[in-house]
Protein backbone atom coordinates (compact mmCIF):
# COMPACT_ATOMS: atom_id res chain seq x y z
CA MET A 1 97.95 67.29 83.95
CA THR A 2 97.39 67.52 80.62
CA GLU A 3 94.69 69.53 78.97
CA ASN A 4 93.26 70.13 75.40
CA TYR A 5 90.56 71.81 73.88
CA HIS A 6 88.82 70.34 70.83
CA LYS A 7 86.11 72.02 68.66
CA TRP A 8 84.30 70.76 65.28
CA PHE A 9 81.40 70.48 62.99
CA SER A 10 79.18 67.45 64.29
CA GLN A 11 77.50 66.48 61.02
CA TYR A 12 74.68 64.78 63.80
CA THR A 13 73.91 68.01 65.49
CA ASN A 14 74.58 70.26 62.26
CA ARG A 15 76.72 72.35 64.43
CA GLU A 16 79.65 72.92 66.20
CA PHE A 17 80.53 70.70 69.13
CA GLU A 18 83.21 71.48 72.32
CA ILE A 19 84.95 69.42 74.36
CA VAL A 20 87.95 69.39 76.88
CA VAL A 21 90.05 66.52 77.62
CA PHE A 22 92.33 65.98 80.52
CA GLY A 23 95.37 63.44 80.58
CA THR A 24 97.36 61.78 78.02
CA SER A 25 96.52 57.92 78.16
CA GLY A 26 94.25 55.15 79.99
CA ILE A 27 90.17 54.22 80.12
CA PRO A 28 88.39 56.99 78.65
CA VAL A 29 85.92 58.57 80.69
CA ILE A 30 82.90 60.28 79.63
CA PHE A 31 81.71 63.07 81.86
CA PHE A 32 78.37 64.81 81.25
CA PRO A 33 77.70 67.94 83.41
CA PRO A 34 74.62 68.79 85.01
CA ALA A 35 71.87 70.02 82.95
CA LYS A 36 72.80 72.97 80.59
CA ASP A 37 76.24 73.29 81.75
CA ARG A 38 79.60 73.72 79.82
CA PHE A 39 82.37 71.40 78.98
CA PHE A 40 84.53 73.55 81.56
CA THR A 41 82.27 73.58 84.06
CA ALA A 42 83.83 70.14 86.04
CA LYS A 43 87.27 71.92 85.82
CA ASP A 44 85.71 75.22 87.06
CA LYS A 45 84.04 73.20 90.32
CA SER A 46 87.52 70.95 91.28
CA LEU A 47 85.52 67.76 89.75
CA ILE A 48 88.26 67.03 87.75
CA HIS A 49 91.16 68.12 90.27
CA SER A 50 89.61 65.70 92.25
CA VAL A 51 90.96 62.64 90.22
CA ALA A 52 94.34 64.20 88.85
CA GLY A 53 96.05 61.49 90.68
CA TYR A 54 94.47 58.73 88.34
CA ILE A 55 94.78 61.29 84.94
CA ASP A 56 98.51 61.96 86.04
CA LYS A 57 99.34 58.18 86.34
CA GLY A 58 97.52 57.58 82.94
CA LEU A 59 94.94 55.35 84.47
CA ILE A 60 91.89 57.52 82.70
CA LYS A 61 91.42 60.26 80.45
CA VAL A 62 88.76 62.51 81.37
CA TYR A 63 86.22 64.01 78.18
CA CYS A 64 84.06 66.51 79.18
CA PRO A 65 81.57 67.20 76.19
CA ASP A 66 79.44 70.31 76.26
CA THR A 67 75.61 69.83 76.86
CA TYR A 68 72.75 69.83 74.20
CA ASP A 69 70.42 70.33 76.82
CA ASN A 70 69.03 73.50 75.69
CA GLU A 71 68.42 72.13 72.13
CA SER A 72 67.14 68.89 73.12
CA TRP A 73 65.26 68.04 76.19
CA TYR A 74 65.07 71.84 77.60
CA ASN A 75 64.23 73.44 74.50
CA PHE A 76 60.50 74.37 75.60
CA SER A 77 59.88 76.49 72.66
CA ALA A 78 59.94 73.26 70.30
CA ASP A 79 57.39 70.66 70.02
CA PRO A 80 58.27 67.67 72.45
CA GLY A 81 58.65 65.49 69.28
CA GLU A 82 61.33 67.85 68.35
CA ARG A 83 63.17 67.68 71.66
CA ILE A 84 63.51 63.95 71.33
CA LYS A 85 64.43 63.92 67.89
CA GLU A 86 67.13 66.56 69.20
CA TYR A 87 68.59 64.06 71.69
CA LEU A 88 68.67 61.26 69.32
CA ASN A 89 70.77 63.60 67.18
CA PHE A 90 73.07 64.01 70.03
CA GLU A 91 73.15 60.48 71.15
CA ALA A 92 74.50 59.68 67.49
CA LEU A 93 77.00 62.66 67.90
CA ILE A 94 78.09 60.90 71.23
CA ILE A 95 78.83 57.50 69.48
CA HIS A 96 80.39 58.27 66.65
CA ASP A 97 81.98 61.89 67.30
CA LEU A 98 83.20 61.81 71.13
CA ILE A 99 83.32 57.82 71.45
CA GLY A 100 85.02 57.07 67.95
CA PHE A 101 87.43 59.87 68.81
CA ALA A 102 87.82 58.51 72.20
CA LYS A 103 88.87 55.22 71.38
CA TYR A 104 91.07 56.64 68.81
CA GLU A 105 92.88 58.57 71.12
CA THR A 106 93.34 56.01 73.88
CA SER A 107 93.17 52.52 71.96
CA GLN A 108 90.42 51.44 73.95
CA GLU A 109 87.20 49.29 72.94
CA ARG A 110 84.86 50.66 76.04
CA VAL A 111 84.73 53.78 77.81
CA ILE A 112 83.40 54.60 81.28
CA MET A 113 80.22 56.69 81.20
CA ALA A 114 79.52 58.91 84.16
CA GLY A 115 77.39 62.39 84.80
CA ALA A 116 75.69 64.43 87.45
CA GLY A 117 72.32 65.68 87.91
CA PHE A 118 70.83 65.70 84.44
CA GLY A 119 74.06 64.52 83.17
CA GLY A 120 73.64 61.39 85.02
CA TYR A 121 70.60 60.48 83.04
CA HIS A 122 72.70 61.05 79.50
CA ALA A 123 75.31 58.12 81.61
CA VAL A 124 72.85 55.98 82.45
CA ASN A 125 70.51 56.36 79.49
CA PHE A 126 73.46 55.62 77.02
CA THR A 127 75.36 52.74 79.03
CA LEU A 128 71.47 50.73 78.95
CA LYS A 129 70.90 51.50 75.25
CA HIS A 130 74.76 50.17 74.40
CA PRO A 131 76.25 48.38 77.28
CA ASP A 132 78.49 46.80 74.67
CA MET A 133 80.58 50.10 74.80
CA VAL A 134 80.74 50.67 78.46
CA SER A 135 82.75 49.24 80.92
CA GLY A 136 81.76 51.25 83.92
CA LEU A 137 78.63 53.72 84.95
CA ILE A 138 79.07 56.42 87.73
CA SER A 139 75.24 58.52 88.13
CA MET A 140 75.72 60.80 90.94
CA SER A 141 72.50 62.62 91.88
CA GLY A 142 70.76 61.64 88.72
CA PHE A 143 67.16 62.15 87.77
CA TYR A 144 66.16 59.78 84.78
CA ASP A 145 62.22 60.26 84.35
CA ILE A 146 62.10 62.41 80.79
CA LYS A 147 58.01 62.36 81.14
CA GLN A 148 58.36 66.17 82.79
CA PHE A 149 59.88 67.47 79.75
CA ILE A 150 57.06 66.60 77.29
CA TYR A 151 53.87 67.30 78.40
CA GLY A 152 51.94 64.23 78.01
CA PHE A 153 53.33 63.79 74.39
CA TYR A 154 54.66 60.03 74.19
CA ASN A 155 55.77 57.66 71.49
CA ASN A 156 58.40 55.06 70.79
CA ASP A 157 61.15 57.27 70.97
CA CYS A 158 60.06 58.51 74.17
CA TYR A 159 59.33 55.38 75.71
CA PHE A 160 62.86 53.74 74.77
CA ASN A 161 64.50 56.89 76.23
CA ASN A 162 63.21 56.79 79.66
CA PRO A 163 65.17 54.31 81.79
CA PRO A 164 62.12 53.68 84.16
CA ASP A 165 59.67 52.50 81.33
CA TYR A 166 61.62 50.24 79.24
CA LEU A 167 64.18 49.29 81.91
CA PRO A 168 61.69 46.82 83.98
CA GLY A 169 60.23 45.65 80.73
CA LEU A 170 63.94 44.46 79.31
CA LYS A 171 64.48 40.84 78.82
CA ASP A 172 66.66 40.80 75.68
CA GLN A 173 69.37 38.77 77.07
CA TRP A 174 72.24 40.05 74.80
CA TYR A 175 71.68 43.49 76.82
CA LEU A 176 71.18 41.58 80.12
CA GLU A 177 74.54 39.79 79.39
CA HIS A 178 76.09 43.38 78.90
CA LEU A 179 75.13 44.86 81.52
CA LYS A 180 76.16 42.25 84.13
CA ARG A 181 79.76 43.06 82.83
CA ILE A 182 79.52 46.74 83.66
CA LYS A 183 80.12 47.91 86.94
CA ILE A 184 77.38 50.11 88.00
CA LEU A 185 77.89 52.81 90.86
CA LEU A 186 74.73 55.43 91.66
CA GLY A 187 75.40 57.94 94.83
CA CYS A 188 73.34 60.79 95.89
CA SER A 189 72.36 62.82 99.18
CA LEU A 190 69.81 61.71 101.40
CA TYR A 191 68.43 65.03 100.44
CA ASP A 192 68.38 64.99 96.91
CA LEU A 193 64.70 65.32 95.28
CA CYS A 194 66.13 62.16 92.97
CA MET A 195 66.77 60.02 96.05
CA LYS A 196 63.96 57.84 95.24
CA GLU A 197 64.62 57.80 91.69
CA ASN A 198 67.94 56.15 92.01
CA GLN A 199 67.06 53.71 94.85
CA ASP A 200 63.72 52.54 92.12
CA LEU A 201 66.67 52.34 89.46
CA SER A 202 69.13 50.37 91.62
CA GLN A 203 66.18 47.64 93.01
CA ILE A 204 65.18 47.42 89.32
CA LEU A 205 68.82 46.64 88.10
CA GLU A 206 68.99 43.91 90.84
CA SER A 207 65.43 42.34 89.59
CA LYS A 208 67.50 41.63 86.19
CA GLY A 209 70.45 40.08 88.42
CA ILE A 210 72.71 43.42 87.57
CA LYS A 211 74.84 43.89 90.03
CA ASN A 212 74.98 47.87 91.45
CA THR A 213 76.06 50.00 94.08
CA LEU A 214 73.81 52.52 95.36
CA GLN A 215 75.54 54.85 98.28
CA ILE A 216 73.37 58.16 99.83
CA LYS A 217 75.31 60.02 101.94
CA GLU A 218 73.70 61.91 105.23
CA SER A 219 75.31 65.02 104.04
CA GLY A 220 76.86 66.82 101.09
CA TYR A 221 75.50 68.98 98.05
CA GLU A 222 76.13 69.46 94.37
CA TRP A 223 79.37 69.61 93.71
CA ASP A 224 80.83 69.09 97.39
CA LEU A 225 79.03 65.72 96.98
CA TRP A 226 80.07 65.11 93.84
CA LYS A 227 83.97 65.50 94.38
CA ASN A 228 83.95 62.62 97.07
CA PHE A 229 81.70 60.66 94.78
CA PHE A 230 83.70 60.42 91.82
CA PRO A 231 87.63 59.64 92.75
CA ASN A 232 85.99 56.53 95.32
CA PHE A 233 83.70 55.36 92.37
CA LEU A 234 86.25 55.43 89.61
CA ALA A 235 88.60 53.74 91.98
CA ARG A 236 85.92 50.72 92.79
CA ILE A 237 85.85 50.43 88.89
CA LEU A 238 89.69 50.78 88.14
CA ASN A 239 90.39 48.02 91.03
CA GLY A 240 88.23 45.97 89.71
CA SER A 241 85.92 45.56 92.17
CA ALA A 242 82.14 44.19 91.61
CA GLN A 243 80.34 45.63 94.85
CA PRO A 244 76.88 44.29 95.57
CA ILE A 245 73.78 46.76 95.97
CA ASP A 246 74.66 49.14 99.16
CA ASN A 247 71.68 50.74 100.35
CA THR A 248 73.37 52.13 103.70
CA PHE A 249 73.93 55.89 104.49
CA GLY A 250 77.58 56.84 104.48
């Protein structure tokens, strides 16, 4: 399996940015690791190995970026307003640096967004805000309410980056029609603290006419759980299946 490390200075965050890329061709998959983890974590935890068959066949090319959580949401030494500004800088980096690079390398117009833990927040929020850039969404044990990071501070930037707040009121047909074309798969275990958030997100999407799959496993924890979800969810996206909402245990 081909593996390439890249590092560059980003004008959007005003610091160096690191990623590792697996594969030579195929649909770009952007994978966000859990909170404050590094670009190499998915490989070290064997998540990349779980989809090696798709990578070796040239079906996908996986891009693992470094997190920016310590500079944004998890930077509790900074004022909440500064945290959200840093998050928006990171979002600009993803749009212009990372996805721009992935599209150049693969000649693909859209990407699959994926993440685990707080990485699921990044994948979900980005997809909801930029659905024209995304063809598939995978969130595993994701949690999506960012109010826990801002201690009562709230402004428009907080609102429009907190899916449980802005998604219920989303009526813009441009966004809704693009979101309806995306294959959305959510997964968690029966014992994940985020289970209710995933059930709520799935139901809100369904109320908007946006098909999605929610799978809740009776057992499994973190990386063992995610190594089960990731290849199976990718298979559904790559096979073109549009699964209905699924709240059954399995």
